[in-house]
């Protein structure tokens, strides 16, 4: 399912964001990329909305299962969903 985000009109934005997070690059750079990627997804809700929701739910479930098996384990999704969610929270607070 994650591979579907790398396709279509927002594919490059997703790939750049994913690499930034996995390579632990500068947080400001990653936040900028996340913001750009989410803006692109917003332009194509019919294509991305269900995929994004499913990927996020699957990632959270995988992380919960891994934490139960090994509480010291690192996030399976590399923290991608968490970083995107964190950016959502910050953006919403700034909009107020």
N, C-alpha and C. Protein backbone atom coordinates (compact mmCIF):
# COMPACT_ATOMS: atom_id res chain seq x y z
N UNK A 1 0.83 -1.19 0.00
CA UNK A 1 0.00 0.00 0.00
C UNK A 1 0.87 1.25 0.00
N UNK A 2 1.96 1.24 0.76
CA UNK A 2 2.86 2.39 0.83
C UNK A 2 3.39 2.76 -0.56
N UNK A 3 3.63 1.77 -1.38
CA UNK A 3 4.17 2.03 -2.72
C UNK A 3 3.20 2.85 -3.57
N UNK A 4 1.91 2.79 -3.28
CA UNK A 4 0.93 3.57 -4.03
C UNK A 4 1.12 5.07 -3.81
N UNK A 5 1.68 5.44 -2.68
CA UNK A 5 1.92 6.86 -2.41
C UNK A 5 3.07 7.39 -3.26
N UNK A 6 3.92 6.50 -3.73
CA UNK A 6 5.06 6.91 -4.55
C UNK A 6 4.69 7.02 -6.02
N UNK A 7 3.43 6.79 -6.33
CA UNK A 7 2.96 6.86 -7.71
C UNK A 7 2.09 8.10 -7.90
N UNK A 8 1.82 8.43 -9.12
CA UNK A 8 0.89 9.50 -9.43
C UNK A 8 1.50 10.88 -9.29
N UNK A 9 0.65 11.89 -9.28
CA UNK A 9 1.12 13.28 -9.30
C UNK A 9 1.87 13.72 -8.05
N UNK A 10 1.71 13.02 -6.95
CA UNK A 10 2.40 13.40 -5.70
C UNK A 10 3.51 12.41 -5.34
N UNK A 11 3.83 11.53 -6.25
CA UNK A 11 4.83 10.51 -5.99
C UNK A 11 6.19 11.06 -5.61
N UNK A 12 6.67 12.05 -6.36
CA UNK A 12 7.98 12.64 -6.07
C UNK A 12 7.98 13.30 -4.70
N UNK A 13 6.90 13.98 -4.36
CA UNK A 13 6.81 14.64 -3.05
C UNK A 13 6.88 13.61 -1.92
N UNK A 14 6.19 12.47 -2.11
CA UNK A 14 6.22 11.42 -1.10
C UNK A 14 7.62 10.84 -0.96
N UNK A 15 8.25 10.54 -2.08
CA UNK A 15 9.60 9.94 -2.05
C UNK A 15 10.59 10.87 -1.35
N UNK A 16 10.55 12.15 -1.69
CA UNK A 16 11.45 13.12 -1.07
C UNK A 16 11.21 13.21 0.44
N UNK A 17 9.95 13.22 0.84
CA UNK A 17 9.61 13.29 2.26
C UNK A 17 10.07 12.03 2.99
N UNK A 18 9.79 10.88 2.41
CA UNK A 18 10.15 9.60 3.02
C UNK A 18 11.67 9.52 3.22
N UNK A 19 12.43 9.90 2.20
CA UNK A 19 13.89 9.88 2.30
C UNK A 19 14.38 10.82 3.39
N UNK A 20 13.81 12.01 3.44
CA UNK A 20 14.22 13.00 4.44
C UNK A 20 14.06 12.43 5.85
N UNK A 21 12.93 11.82 6.10
CA UNK A 21 12.66 11.28 7.43
C UNK A 21 13.56 10.08 7.73
N UNK A 22 13.70 9.16 6.78
CA UNK A 22 14.52 7.97 7.01
C UNK A 22 16.00 8.28 7.13
N UNK A 23 16.44 9.34 6.47
CA UNK A 23 17.85 9.71 6.54
C UNK A 23 18.12 10.69 7.68
N UNK A 24 17.09 10.95 8.49
CA UNK A 24 17.21 11.84 9.64
C UNK A 24 17.84 13.18 9.28
N UNK A 25 17.35 13.75 8.18
CA UNK A 25 17.83 15.06 7.76
C UNK A 25 17.26 16.15 8.67
N UNK A 26 17.64 17.36 8.39
CA UNK A 26 17.19 18.52 9.16
C UNK A 26 15.68 18.52 9.32
N UNK A 27 15.22 18.71 10.55
CA UNK A 27 13.78 18.64 10.81
C UNK A 27 13.00 19.71 10.05
N UNK A 28 13.55 20.90 9.95
CA UNK A 28 12.86 21.96 9.21
C UNK A 28 12.67 21.58 7.74
N UNK A 29 13.68 20.94 7.17
CA UNK A 29 13.58 20.49 5.78
C UNK A 29 12.47 19.45 5.64
N UNK A 30 12.45 18.50 6.57
CA UNK A 30 11.43 17.44 6.52
C UNK A 30 10.02 18.00 6.72
N UNK A 31 9.88 18.96 7.62
CA UNK A 31 8.57 19.57 7.85
C UNK A 31 8.11 20.29 6.58
N UNK A 32 9.02 20.98 5.93
CA UNK A 32 8.69 21.66 4.67
C UNK A 32 8.23 20.64 3.62
N UNK A 33 8.95 19.54 3.52
CA UNK A 33 8.59 18.50 2.54
C UNK A 33 7.25 17.85 2.88
N UNK A 34 7.01 17.61 4.16
CA UNK A 34 5.73 17.05 4.60
C UNK A 34 4.60 17.99 4.21
N UNK A 35 4.80 19.26 4.46
CA UNK A 35 3.78 20.25 4.15
C UNK A 35 3.48 20.28 2.65
N UNK A 36 4.53 20.25 1.84
CA UNK A 36 4.35 20.23 0.38
C UNK A 36 3.65 18.96 -0.08
N UNK A 37 4.03 17.82 0.50
CA UNK A 37 3.42 16.55 0.13
C UNK A 37 1.93 16.56 0.48
N UNK A 38 1.60 17.03 1.67
CA UNK A 38 0.20 17.05 2.09
C UNK A 38 -0.62 18.02 1.26
N UNK A 39 -0.01 19.12 0.84
CA UNK A 39 -0.71 20.07 -0.05
C UNK A 39 -1.00 19.40 -1.38
N UNK A 40 -0.07 18.62 -1.87
CA UNK A 40 -0.28 17.89 -3.12
C UNK A 40 -1.41 16.87 -2.94
N UNK A 41 -1.38 16.12 -1.85
CA UNK A 41 -2.45 15.15 -1.60
C UNK A 41 -3.81 15.82 -1.56
N UNK A 42 -3.86 17.03 -0.99
CA UNK A 42 -5.12 17.75 -0.89
C UNK A 42 -5.68 18.11 -2.27
N UNK A 43 -4.79 18.25 -3.24
CA UNK A 43 -5.24 18.56 -4.60
C UNK A 43 -5.87 17.34 -5.29
N UNK A 44 -5.56 16.15 -4.79
CA UNK A 44 -6.02 14.90 -5.40
C UNK A 44 -6.66 13.98 -4.35
N UNK A 45 -7.69 14.44 -3.66
CA UNK A 45 -8.26 13.63 -2.57
C UNK A 45 -8.82 12.29 -3.05
N UNK A 46 -9.37 12.25 -4.25
CA UNK A 46 -9.92 10.99 -4.75
C UNK A 46 -8.84 9.93 -4.91
N UNK A 47 -7.63 10.36 -5.20
CA UNK A 47 -6.54 9.42 -5.41
C UNK A 47 -5.84 9.04 -4.11
N UNK A 48 -5.66 9.98 -3.20
CA UNK A 48 -4.79 9.74 -2.04
C UNK A 48 -5.48 9.56 -0.69
N UNK A 49 -6.65 10.09 -0.49
CA UNK A 49 -7.26 10.09 0.84
C UNK A 49 -7.36 8.70 1.47
N UNK A 50 -7.93 7.75 0.75
CA UNK A 50 -8.09 6.40 1.30
C UNK A 50 -6.75 5.70 1.49
N UNK A 51 -5.82 5.93 0.56
CA UNK A 51 -4.50 5.30 0.66
C UNK A 51 -3.78 5.81 1.90
N UNK A 52 -3.77 7.12 2.09
CA UNK A 52 -3.08 7.71 3.24
C UNK A 52 -3.67 7.19 4.54
N UNK A 53 -4.97 7.15 4.64
CA UNK A 53 -5.63 6.65 5.86
C UNK A 53 -5.25 5.20 6.13
N UNK A 54 -5.27 4.36 5.11
CA UNK A 54 -4.94 2.94 5.27
C UNK A 54 -3.47 2.76 5.66
N UNK A 55 -2.56 3.48 5.01
CA UNK A 55 -1.14 3.37 5.34
C UNK A 55 -0.90 3.80 6.78
N UNK A 56 -1.52 4.89 7.19
CA UNK A 56 -1.35 5.38 8.55
C UNK A 56 -1.86 4.36 9.57
N UNK A 57 -3.05 3.82 9.33
CA UNK A 57 -3.62 2.83 10.25
C UNK A 57 -2.77 1.57 10.30
N UNK A 58 -2.30 1.10 9.14
CA UNK A 58 -1.44 -0.09 9.10
C UNK A 58 -0.13 0.15 9.84
N UNK A 59 0.45 1.34 9.66
CA UNK A 59 1.71 1.67 10.34
C UNK A 59 1.54 1.71 11.84
N UNK A 60 0.46 2.30 12.30
CA UNK A 60 0.20 2.36 13.74
C UNK A 60 0.00 0.96 14.32
N UNK A 61 -0.74 0.12 13.60
CA UNK A 61 -0.98 -1.25 14.07
C UNK A 61 0.32 -2.03 14.13
N UNK A 62 1.17 -1.88 13.11
CA UNK A 62 2.46 -2.57 13.10
C UNK A 62 3.33 -2.13 14.27
N UNK A 63 3.34 -0.82 14.54
CA UNK A 63 4.12 -0.30 15.65
C UNK A 63 3.61 -0.84 16.98
N UNK A 64 2.29 -0.91 17.14
CA UNK A 64 1.71 -1.43 18.38
C UNK A 64 2.07 -2.90 18.57
N UNK A 65 2.01 -3.67 17.50
CA UNK A 65 2.36 -5.08 17.59
C UNK A 65 3.83 -5.26 17.92
N UNK A 66 4.70 -4.46 17.30
CA UNK A 66 6.13 -4.54 17.58
C UNK A 66 6.43 -4.15 19.03
N UNK A 67 5.74 -3.12 19.52
CA UNK A 67 5.96 -2.67 20.90
C UNK A 67 5.54 -3.75 21.90
N UNK A 68 4.48 -4.49 21.57
CA UNK A 68 4.05 -5.58 22.46
C UNK A 68 5.09 -6.69 22.49
N UNK A 69 5.68 -6.98 21.33
CA UNK A 69 6.68 -8.04 21.24
C UNK A 69 8.00 -7.60 21.88
N UNK A 70 8.38 -6.34 21.67
CA UNK A 70 9.63 -5.80 22.20
C UNK A 70 9.43 -4.32 22.51
N UNK A 71 9.14 -3.99 23.77
CA UNK A 71 8.86 -2.61 24.14
C UNK A 71 9.97 -1.62 23.79
N UNK A 72 11.20 -2.11 23.60
CA UNK A 72 12.32 -1.23 23.26
C UNK A 72 12.50 -1.10 21.75
N UNK A 73 11.64 -1.75 20.98
CA UNK A 73 11.80 -1.73 19.53
C UNK A 73 11.52 -0.34 18.97
N UNK A 74 12.16 -0.07 17.83
CA UNK A 74 11.97 1.20 17.14
C UNK A 74 10.77 1.09 16.23
N UNK A 75 10.19 2.20 15.91
CA UNK A 75 9.03 2.25 15.02
C UNK A 75 9.33 1.54 13.71
N UNK A 76 8.44 0.62 13.31
CA UNK A 76 8.61 -0.10 12.06
C UNK A 76 8.52 0.82 10.86
N UNK A 77 7.63 1.79 10.93
CA UNK A 77 7.46 2.69 9.79
C UNK A 77 8.48 3.82 9.82
N UNK A 78 9.48 3.70 10.66
CA UNK A 78 10.53 4.70 10.72
C UNK A 78 10.06 6.04 11.26
N UNK A 79 8.91 6.03 11.88
CA UNK A 79 8.39 7.27 12.43
C UNK A 79 7.72 8.16 11.40
N UNK A 80 7.56 7.67 10.18
CA UNK A 80 6.99 8.50 9.12
C UNK A 80 5.59 8.97 9.50
N UNK A 81 4.73 8.05 9.91
CA UNK A 81 3.36 8.43 10.27
C UNK A 81 3.37 9.38 11.45
N UNK A 82 4.24 9.13 12.42
CA UNK A 82 4.30 10.00 13.59
C UNK A 82 4.76 11.40 13.22
N UNK A 83 5.75 11.50 12.32
CA UNK A 83 6.24 12.82 11.91
C UNK A 83 5.16 13.57 11.13
N UNK A 84 4.42 12.87 10.29
CA UNK A 84 3.36 13.52 9.53
C UNK A 84 2.26 13.99 10.47
N UNK A 85 1.90 13.13 11.44
CA UNK A 85 0.87 13.51 12.41
C UNK A 85 1.33 14.70 13.25
N UNK A 86 2.59 14.70 13.67
CA UNK A 86 3.13 15.80 14.45
C UNK A 86 3.04 17.09 13.65
N UNK A 87 3.37 17.02 12.37
CA UNK A 87 3.30 18.20 11.51
C UNK A 87 1.86 18.70 11.41
N UNK A 88 0.90 17.79 11.36
CA UNK A 88 -0.52 18.16 11.33
C UNK A 88 -0.89 18.96 12.57
N UNK A 89 -0.46 18.48 13.72
CA UNK A 89 -0.79 19.13 14.99
C UNK A 89 -0.18 20.53 15.04
N UNK A 90 1.08 20.66 14.64
CA UNK A 90 1.75 21.96 14.64
C UNK A 90 1.06 22.90 13.68
N UNK A 91 0.70 22.43 12.49
CA UNK A 91 0.04 23.26 11.49
C UNK A 91 -1.31 23.76 12.00
N UNK A 92 -2.06 22.90 12.63
CA UNK A 92 -3.39 23.27 13.14
C UNK A 92 -3.26 24.31 14.25
N UNK A 93 -2.24 24.17 15.11
CA UNK A 93 -2.04 25.12 16.19
C UNK A 93 -1.61 26.48 15.63
N UNK A 94 -0.82 26.49 14.58
CA UNK A 94 -0.36 27.74 13.98
C UNK A 94 -1.50 28.44 13.27
N UNK A 95 -2.48 27.70 12.77
CA UNK A 95 -3.61 28.27 12.07
C UNK A 95 -4.56 29.01 13.00
N UNK A 96 -4.48 28.72 14.28
CA UNK A 96 -5.41 29.32 15.25
C UNK A 96 -5.11 30.76 15.50
